[in-house]
Amino acid sequence: MNISNISNLTIELIIGFFVLLMITKVLGKTQISQITPFEFISALVLGELVGNAIYDEDINIFYILYAVFLWALLLYIIELITQKFKGSREFFEGKPSIIIRNGQIDFKELKKEKLDINELQSLLRAKDIFSIREIQYAILETNGAISVLKKSKYNNPTNEDLNLSEKPAYLPVTLILDGEILWDNVKTCGFDEKWLNKQLHTSRVSKIKEILYAEWKQDEGLHIVKKKEK
């Protein structure tokens, strides 16, 4: 390897480094902290494109830039689509899956997510939970992580320690997301349009579009988060 090759490699590495850094900033932090299987594969492909381009003597820096920016553009377009069209989110990002419901393991969901009991126990131990009996609900998120709602008597401090009676734990249900009513969830909770309109009127909400997020929790009622005015 002569001086010229070393110089070219140095330039390509520096440019590739800053281009990837810029793309990371543009796509946002969630691409790293909440990476989905699709995004994981995208990251691998992007790294492979840059690596092959840098070490292939027949490909110059313009090919590197073109490959990186084209792939980043495709990812950015997907992000815009999933933000604007909520129906596309399940297709591109998947959806959370309730694998433990009311303290009972949903074996159908486990099989659907290709998860066995040993893997489930491993995920729970990462949450400092060593017995499935402690769990009221467990949700497998789209990034492969697990979220857990413990039974009330196993919370710290426990109700048993405080000599309190055990209270049921309820799972919050999203009713409104990004200004759109999730009617399936509303009906699952046993409510209808008349009930929802009454709740919104009580909360002084005139338009559904004003709401960023609203959830129902049986023991606490409706919680509404309004969109911030620009």
C-alpha atoms as a PDB file:
ATOM      1  CA  MET A   1       0.000   0.000   0.000  1.00  0.00           C
ATOM      2  CA  ASN A   2       1.545   3.261  -1.097  1.00  0.00           C
ATOM      3  CA  ILE A   3       1.117   6.788   0.221  1.00  0.00           C
ATOM      4  CA  SER A   4      -1.577   7.582  -2.349  1.00  0.00           C
ATOM      5  CA  ASN A   5      -3.710   4.617  -1.265  1.00  0.00           C
ATOM      6  CA  ILE A   6      -3.309   5.544   2.379  1.00  0.00           C
ATOM      7  CA  SER A   7      -4.352   9.134   1.654  1.00  0.00           C
ATOM      8  CA  ASN A   8      -7.429   8.016  -0.271  1.00  0.00           C
ATOM      9  CA  LEU A   9      -8.423   5.583   2.476  1.00  0.00           C
ATOM     10  CA  THR A  10      -7.994   8.277   5.119  1.00  0.00           C
ATOM     11  CA  ILE A  11     -10.165  10.736   3.221  1.00  0.00           C
ATOM     12  CA  GLU A  12     -12.856   8.133   2.579  1.00  0.00           C
ATOM     13  CA  LEU A  13     -12.923   7.023   6.211  1.00  0.00           C
ATOM     14  CA  ILE A  14     -13.205  10.595   7.486  1.00  0.00           C
ATOM     15  CA  ILE A  15     -15.984  11.455   5.038  1.00  0.00           C
ATOM     16  CA  GLY A  16     -17.811   8.180   5.747  1.00  0.00           C
ATOM     17  CA  PHE A  17     -17.553   8.794   9.491  1.00  0.00           C
ATOM     18  CA  PHE A  18     -19.073  12.273   9.367  1.00  0.00           C
ATOM     19  CA  VAL A  19     -21.734  11.274   6.847  1.00  0.00           C
ATOM     20  CA  LEU A  20     -22.928   8.446   9.112  1.00  0.00           C
ATOM     21  CA  LEU A  21     -22.802  10.801  12.099  1.00  0.00           C
ATOM     22  CA  MET A  22     -24.963  13.312  10.245  1.00  0.00           C
ATOM     23  CA  ILE A  23     -27.456  10.624   9.211  1.00  0.00           C
ATOM     24  CA  THR A  24     -27.738   9.461  12.823  1.00  0.00           C
ATOM     25  CA  LYS A  25     -28.554  13.017  13.884  1.00  0.00           C
ATOM     26  CA  VAL A  26     -31.160  13.424  11.147  1.00  0.00           C
ATOM     27  CA  LEU A  27     -32.937  10.123  11.764  1.00  0.00           C
ATOM     28  CA  GLY A  28     -33.125  10.755  15.510  1.00  0.00           C
ATOM     29  CA  LYS A  29     -32.100   9.107  18.755  1.00  0.00           C
ATOM     30  CA  THR A  30     -34.905   6.542  18.701  1.00  0.00           C
ATOM     31  CA  GLN A  31     -33.154   4.781  15.832  1.00  0.00           C
ATOM     32  CA  ILE A  32     -30.501   3.774  18.374  1.00  0.00           C
ATOM     33  CA  SER A  33     -32.416   3.456  21.654  1.00  0.00           C
ATOM     34  CA  GLN A  34     -35.561   1.798  20.261  1.00  0.00           C
ATOM     35  CA  ILE A  35     -34.321  -0.061  17.224  1.00  0.00           C
ATOM     36  CA  THR A  36     -36.811  -2.388  15.539  1.00  0.00           C
ATOM     37  CA  PRO A  37     -35.855  -5.507  13.528  1.00  0.00           C
ATOM     38  CA  PHE A  38     -36.343  -3.544  10.296  1.00  0.00           C
ATOM     39  CA  GLU A  39     -34.091  -0.730  11.521  1.00  0.00           C
ATOM     40  CA  PHE A  40     -31.489  -3.231  12.743  1.00  0.00           C
ATOM     41  CA  ILE A  41     -31.266  -4.782   9.274  1.00  0.00           C
ATOM     42  CA  SER A  42     -31.143  -1.301   7.753  1.00  0.00           C
ATOM     43  CA  ALA A  43     -28.202  -0.382   9.970  1.00  0.00           C
ATOM     44  CA  LEU A  44     -26.349  -3.547   8.941  1.00  0.00           C
ATOM     45  CA  VAL A  45     -26.935  -2.874   5.257  1.00  0.00           C
ATOM     46  CA  LEU A  46     -25.862   0.747   5.605  1.00  0.00           C
ATOM     47  CA  GLY A  47     -22.658  -0.284   7.377  1.00  0.00           C
ATOM     48  CA  GLU A  48     -21.984  -2.913   4.731  1.00  0.00           C
ATOM     49  CA  LEU A  49     -22.454  -0.363   1.939  1.00  0.00           C
ATOM     50  CA  VAL A  50     -20.004   2.054   3.508  1.00  0.00           C
ATOM     51  CA  GLY A  51     -17.474  -0.663   4.388  1.00  0.00           C
ATOM     52  CA  ASN A  52     -17.437  -2.206   0.926  1.00  0.00           C
ATOM     53  CA  ALA A  53     -17.250   1.185  -0.744  1.00  0.00           C
ATOM     54  CA  ILE A  54     -14.337   2.356   1.379  1.00  0.00           C
ATOM     55  CA  TYR A  55     -12.157  -0.717   0.855  1.00  0.00           C
ATOM     56  CA  ASP A  56     -12.981  -1.304  -2.816  1.00  0.00           C
ATOM     57  CA  GLU A  57     -10.350   0.447  -4.904  1.00  0.00           C
ATOM     58  CA  ASP A  58     -12.658   0.569  -7.935  1.00  0.00           C
ATOM     59  CA  ILE A  59     -15.236   2.684  -6.092  1.00  0.00           C
ATOM     60  CA  ASN A  60     -14.566   6.354  -5.366  1.00  0.00           C
ATOM     61  CA  ILE A  61     -15.948   8.673  -2.714  1.00  0.00           C
ATOM     62  CA  PHE A  62     -18.898   9.747  -4.857  1.00  0.00           C
ATOM     63  CA  TYR A  63     -20.209   6.173  -4.907  1.00  0.00           C
ATOM     64  CA  ILE A  64     -19.920   6.100  -1.120  1.00  0.00           C
ATOM     65  CA  LEU A  65     -21.858   9.325  -0.721  1.00  0.00           C
ATOM     66  CA  TYR A  66     -24.517   8.246  -3.206  1.00  0.00           C
ATOM     67  CA  ALA A  67     -25.033   4.846  -1.558  1.00  0.00           C
ATOM     68  CA  VAL A  68     -25.218   6.294   1.948  1.00  0.00           C
ATOM     69  CA  PHE A  69     -27.514   9.188   1.104  1.00  0.00           C
ATOM     70  CA  LEU A  70     -29.852   7.010  -0.980  1.00  0.00           C
ATOM     71  CA  TRP A  71     -30.219   4.475   1.824  1.00  0.00           C
ATOM     72  CA  ALA A  72     -30.673   7.239   4.394  1.00  0.00           C
ATOM     73  CA  LEU A  73     -33.307   8.861   2.182  1.00  0.00           C
ATOM     74  CA  LEU A  74     -35.259   5.604   2.025  1.00  0.00           C
ATOM     75  CA  LEU A  75     -35.153   5.281   5.824  1.00  0.00           C
ATOM     76  CA  TYR A  76     -36.217   8.902   6.214  1.00  0.00           C
ATOM     77  CA  ILE A  77     -39.158   8.395   3.852  1.00  0.00           C
ATOM     78  CA  ILE A  78     -40.273   5.372   5.872  1.00  0.00           C
ATOM     79  CA  GLU A  79     -40.108   7.479   9.044  1.00  0.00           C
ATOM     80  CA  LEU A  80     -42.248  10.192   7.431  1.00  0.00           C
ATOM     81  CA  ILE A  81     -44.782   7.609   6.251  1.00  0.00           C
ATOM     82  CA  THR A  82     -45.115   6.016   9.697  1.00  0.00           C
ATOM     83  CA  GLN A  83     -45.511   9.444  11.327  1.00  0.00           C
ATOM     84  CA  LYS A  84     -48.163  10.668   8.882  1.00  0.00           C
ATOM     85  CA  PHE A  85     -50.069   7.435   8.273  1.00  0.00           C
ATOM     86  CA  LYS A  86     -50.708   5.577  11.515  1.00  0.00           C
ATOM     87  CA  GLY A  87     -51.982   2.525   9.660  1.00  0.00           C
ATOM     88  CA  SER A  88     -48.512   1.928   8.212  1.00  0.00           C
ATOM     89  CA  ARG A  89     -46.829   1.686  11.630  1.00  0.00           C
ATOM     90  CA  GLU A  90     -47.871  -1.887  12.243  1.00  0.00           C
ATOM     91  CA  PHE A  91     -46.527  -2.953   8.839  1.00  0.00           C
ATOM     92  CA  PHE A  92     -43.122  -1.248   9.151  1.00  0.00           C
ATOM     93  CA  GLU A  93     -42.598  -1.305  12.929  1.00  0.00           C
ATOM     94  CA  GLY A  94     -44.823  -4.115  14.149  1.00  0.00           C
ATOM     95  CA  LYS A  95     -47.021  -3.813  17.236  1.00  0.00           C
ATOM     96  CA  PRO A  96     -46.650  -4.721  20.911  1.00  0.00           C
ATOM     97  CA  SER A  97     -47.924  -8.125  21.962  1.00  0.00           C
ATOM     98  CA  ILE A  98     -49.489  -8.968  25.342  1.00  0.00           C
ATOM     99  CA  ILE A  99     -47.857 -12.256  26.307  1.00  0.00           C
ATOM    100  CA  ILE A 100     -49.070 -12.358  29.925  1.00  0.00           C
ATOM    101  CA  ARG A 101     -52.640 -11.212  30.551  1.00  0.00           C
ATOM    102  CA  ASN A 102     -54.227 -11.096  34.007  1.00  0.00           C
ATOM    103  CA  GLY A 103     -51.430 -13.282  35.335  1.00  0.00           C
ATOM    104  CA  GLN A 104     -51.890 -15.973  32.673  1.00  0.00           C
ATOM    105  CA  ILE A 105     -49.360 -16.704  29.919  1.00  0.00           C
ATOM    106  CA  ASP A 106     -50.827 -16.394  26.441  1.00  0.00           C
ATOM    107  CA  PHE A 107     -49.176 -19.356  24.737  1.00  0.00           C
ATOM    108  CA  LYS A 108     -50.735 -18.438  21.404  1.00  0.00           C
ATOM    109  CA  GLU A 109     -48.956 -15.064  21.471  1.00  0.00           C
ATOM    110  CA  LEU A 110     -45.707 -16.715  22.586  1.00  0.00           C
ATOM    111  CA  LYS A 111     -45.843 -19.032  19.594  1.00  0.00           C
ATOM    112  CA  LYS A 112     -46.731 -16.151  17.286  1.00  0.00           C
ATOM    113  CA  GLU A 113     -43.720 -14.157  18.505  1.00  0.00           C
ATOM    114  CA  LYS A 114     -41.484 -17.268  18.337  1.00  0.00           C
ATOM    115  CA  LEU A 115     -40.683 -16.959  22.018  1.00  0.00           C
ATOM    116  CA  ASP A 116     -40.247 -19.914  24.353  1.00  0.00           C
ATOM    117  CA  ILE A 117     -40.581 -20.048  28.139  1.00  0.00           C
ATOM    118  CA  ASN A 118     -36.830 -19.958  28.732  1.00  0.00           C
ATOM    119  CA  GLU A 119     -36.487 -16.799  26.635  1.00  0.00           C
ATOM    120  CA  LEU A 120     -39.443 -15.258  28.440  1.00  0.00           C
ATOM    121  CA  GLN A 121     -37.881 -16.007  31.816  1.00  0.00           C
ATOM    122  CA  SER A 122     -34.602 -14.482  30.643  1.00  0.00           C
ATOM    123  CA  LEU A 123     -36.375 -11.279  29.613  1.00  0.00           C
ATOM    124  CA  LEU A 124     -38.168 -11.154  32.959  1.00  0.00           C
ATOM    125  CA  ARG A 125     -34.963 -11.670  34.928  1.00  0.00           C
ATOM    126  CA  ALA A 126     -33.535  -8.650  33.124  1.00  0.00           C
ATOM    127  CA  LYS A 127     -36.409  -6.757  34.787  1.00  0.00           C
ATOM    128  CA  ASP A 128     -35.455  -8.233  38.204  1.00  0.00           C
ATOM    129  CA  ILE A 129     -38.474 -10.539  38.140  1.00  0.00           C
ATOM    130  CA  PHE A 130     -37.719 -14.168  38.971  1.00  0.00           C
ATOM    131  CA  SER A 131     -41.232 -15.583  39.189  1.00  0.00           C
ATOM    132  CA  ILE A 132     -44.017 -15.357  36.623  1.00  0.00           C
ATOM    133  CA  ARG A 133     -46.538 -15.353  39.476  1.00  0.00           C
ATOM    134  CA  GLU A 134     -45.509 -11.741  40.236  1.00  0.00           C
ATOM    135  CA  ILE A 135     -46.798 -10.462  36.885  1.00  0.00           C
ATOM    136  CA  GLN A 136     -50.234  -9.096  36.066  1.00  0.00           C
ATOM    137  CA  TYR A 137     -49.377  -8.039  32.503  1.00  0.00           C
ATOM    138  CA  ALA A 138     -46.291  -8.422  30.315  1.00  0.00           C
ATOM    139  CA  ILE A 139     -45.990  -6.775  26.912  1.00  0.00           C
ATOM    140  CA  LEU A 140     -43.392  -7.655  24.283  1.00  0.00           C
ATOM    141  CA  GLU A 141     -42.448  -4.371  22.608  1.00  0.00           C
ATOM    142  CA  THR A 142     -41.610  -3.947  18.930  1.00  0.00           C
ATOM    143  CA  ASN A 143     -37.890  -3.607  19.732  1.00  0.00           C
ATOM    144  CA  GLY A 144     -37.791  -6.979  21.524  1.00  0.00           C
ATOM    145  CA  ALA A 145     -37.812  -5.529  25.042  1.00  0.00           C
ATOM    146  CA  ILE A 146     -40.447  -6.508  27.578  1.00  0.00           C
ATOM    147  CA  SER A 147     -42.576  -4.185  29.708  1.00  0.00           C
ATOM    148  CA  VAL A 148     -44.099  -5.528  32.911  1.00  0.00           C
ATOM    149  CA  LEU A 149     -46.935  -4.522  35.216  1.00  0.00           C
ATOM    150  CA  LYS A 150     -46.572  -6.344  38.520  1.00  0.00           C
ATOM    151  CA  LYS A 151     -49.376  -7.533  40.724  1.00  0.00           C
ATOM    152  CA  SER A 152     -49.935  -4.991  43.457  1.00  0.00           C
ATOM    153  CA  LYS A 153     -48.818  -7.267  46.271  1.00  0.00           C
ATOM    154  CA  TYR A 154     -45.384  -7.662  44.690  1.00  0.00           C
ATOM    155  CA  ASN A 155     -44.663  -3.952  44.359  1.00  0.00           C
ATOM    156  CA  ASN A 156     -42.024  -2.372  46.572  1.00  0.00           C
ATOM    157  CA  PRO A 157     -42.885  -1.914  49.356  1.00  0.00           C
ATOM    158  CA  THR A 158     -45.379  -4.747  49.138  1.00  0.00           C
ATOM    159  CA  ASN A 159     -48.909  -4.444  50.418  1.00  0.00           C
ATOM    160  CA  GLU A 160     -48.256  -7.486  52.568  1.00  0.00           C
ATOM    161  CA  ASP A 161     -45.425  -5.642  54.318  1.00  0.00           C
ATOM    162  CA  LEU A 162     -47.784  -2.729  55.036  1.00  0.00           C
ATOM    163  CA  ASN A 163     -50.678  -5.005  56.046  1.00  0.00           C
ATOM    164  CA  LEU A 164     -52.856  -3.617  53.240  1.00  0.00           C
ATOM    165  CA  SER A 165     -55.470  -5.539  51.318  1.00  0.00           C
ATOM    166  CA  GLU A 166     -54.536  -6.595  47.799  1.00  0.00           C
ATOM    167  CA  LYS A 167     -55.897  -4.354  45.052  1.00  0.00           C
ATOM    168  CA  PRO A 168     -56.371  -5.399  41.429  1.00  0.00           C
ATOM    169  CA  ALA A 169     -53.955  -4.042  38.811  1.00  0.00           C
ATOM    170  CA  TYR A 170     -55.400  -2.577  35.644  1.00  0.00           C
ATOM    171  CA  LEU A 171     -53.762  -2.179  32.252  1.00  0.00           C
ATOM    172  CA  PRO A 172     -54.125   1.301  30.668  1.00  0.00           C
ATOM    173  CA  VAL A 173     -55.874   1.250  27.287  1.00  0.00           C
ATOM    174  CA  THR A 174     -55.104   3.838  24.603  1.00  0.00           C
ATOM    175  CA  LEU A 175     -58.333   5.410  23.331  1.00  0.00           C
ATOM    176  CA  ILE A 176     -56.998   8.327  21.275  1.00  0.00           C
ATOM    177  CA  LEU A 177     -53.667   8.525  19.470  1.00  0.00           C
ATOM    178  CA  ASP A 178     -52.447  11.476  17.388  1.00  0.00           C
ATOM    179  CA  GLY A 179     -55.922  12.967  17.176  1.00  0.00           C
ATOM    180  CA  GLU A 180     -57.564   9.707  16.043  1.00  0.00           C
ATOM    181  CA  ILE A 181     -60.016   7.633  18.062  1.00  0.00           C
ATOM    182  CA  LEU A 182     -59.171   3.936  18.354  1.00  0.00           C
ATOM    183  CA  TRP A 183     -62.730   2.625  18.280  1.00  0.00           C
ATOM    184  CA  ASP A 184     -61.701  -1.008  18.752  1.00  0.00           C
ATOM    185  CA  ASN A 185     -60.117  -0.097  22.089  1.00  0.00           C
ATOM    186  CA  VAL A 186     -63.110   2.051  23.080  1.00  0.00           C
ATOM    187  CA  LYS A 187     -65.491  -0.848  22.422  1.00  0.00           C
ATOM    188  CA  THR A 188     -63.177  -3.311  24.205  1.00  0.00           C
ATOM    189  CA  CYS A 189     -63.495  -1.163  27.333  1.00  0.00           C
ATOM    190  CA  GLY A 190     -67.277  -1.333  27.022  1.00  0.00           C
ATOM    191  CA  PHE A 191     -67.775   2.293  26.003  1.00  0.00           C
ATOM    192  CA  ASP A 192     -69.372   4.047  23.038  1.00  0.00           C
ATOM    193  CA  GLU A 193     -69.263   7.374  21.198  1.00  0.00           C
ATOM    194  CA  LYS A 194     -71.762   8.997  23.569  1.00  0.00           C
ATOM    195  CA  TRP A 195     -69.623   8.132  26.603  1.00  0.00           C
ATOM    196  CA  LEU A 196     -66.450   9.388  24.931  1.00  0.00           C
ATOM    197  CA  ASN A 197     -68.033  12.688  23.899  1.00  0.00           C
ATOM    198  CA  LYS A 198     -69.237  13.212  27.466  1.00  0.00           C
ATOM    199  CA  GLN A 199     -65.739  12.580  28.828  1.00  0.00           C
ATOM    200  CA  LEU A 200     -64.200  15.003  26.318  1.00  0.00           C
ATOM    201  CA  HIS A 201     -66.774  17.655  27.157  1.00  0.00           C
ATOM    202  CA  THR A 202     -65.998  17.260  30.862  1.00  0.00           C
ATOM    203  CA  SER A 203     -62.289  17.726  30.058  1.00  0.00           C
ATOM    204  CA  ARG A 204     -63.113  20.827  27.957  1.00  0.00           C
ATOM    205  CA  VAL A 205     -61.934  19.299  24.709  1.00  0.00           C
ATOM    206  CA  SER A 206     -63.831  20.578  21.676  1.00  0.00           C
ATOM    207  CA  LYS A 207     -61.992  18.739  18.904  1.00  0.00           C
ATOM    208  CA  ILE A 208     -60.420  15.283  18.766  1.00  0.00           C
ATOM    209  CA  LYS A 209     -57.499  16.759  16.799  1.00  0.00           C
ATOM    210  CA  GLU A 210     -56.513  18.694  19.936  1.00  0.00           C
ATOM    211  CA  ILE A 211     -55.589  15.438  21.689  1.00  0.00           C
ATOM    212  CA  LEU A 212     -52.146  13.907  21.307  1.00  0.00           C
ATOM    213  CA  TYR A 213     -52.837  10.933  23.557  1.00  0.00           C
ATOM    214  CA  ALA A 214     -55.659   9.693  25.778  1.00  0.00           C
ATOM    215  CA  GLU A 215     -55.801   6.515  27.842  1.00  0.00           C
ATOM    216  CA  TRP A 216     -58.357   4.835  30.086  1.00  0.00           C
ATOM    217  CA  LYS A 217     -57.457   3.112  33.334  1.00  0.00           C
ATOM    218  CA  GLN A 218     -60.272   1.477  35.246  1.00  0.00           C
ATOM    219  CA  ASP A 219     -59.213   2.688  38.680  1.00  0.00           C
ATOM    220  CA  GLU A 220     -58.164   6.191  37.585  1.00  0.00           C
ATOM    221  CA  GLY A 221     -60.422   7.059  34.668  1.00  0.00           C
ATOM    222  CA  LEU A 222     -59.513   8.963  31.495  1.00  0.00           C
ATOM    223  CA  HIS A 223     -56.149  10.708  31.150  1.00  0.00           C
ATOM    224  CA  ILE A 224     -55.760  13.219  28.300  1.00  0.00           C
ATOM    225  CA  VAL A 225     -52.602  14.792  26.904  1.00  0.00           C
ATOM    226  CA  LYS A 226     -53.316  17.707  24.563  1.00  0.00           C
ATOM    227  CA  LYS A 227     -51.131  18.773  21.681  1.00  0.00           C
ATOM    228  CA  LYS A 228     -48.984  21.800  22.355  1.00  0.00           C
ATOM    229  CA  GLU A 229     -49.879  24.849  20.328  1.00  0.00           C
ATOM    230  CA  LYS A 230     -47.190  25.981  17.886  1.00  0.00           C
END
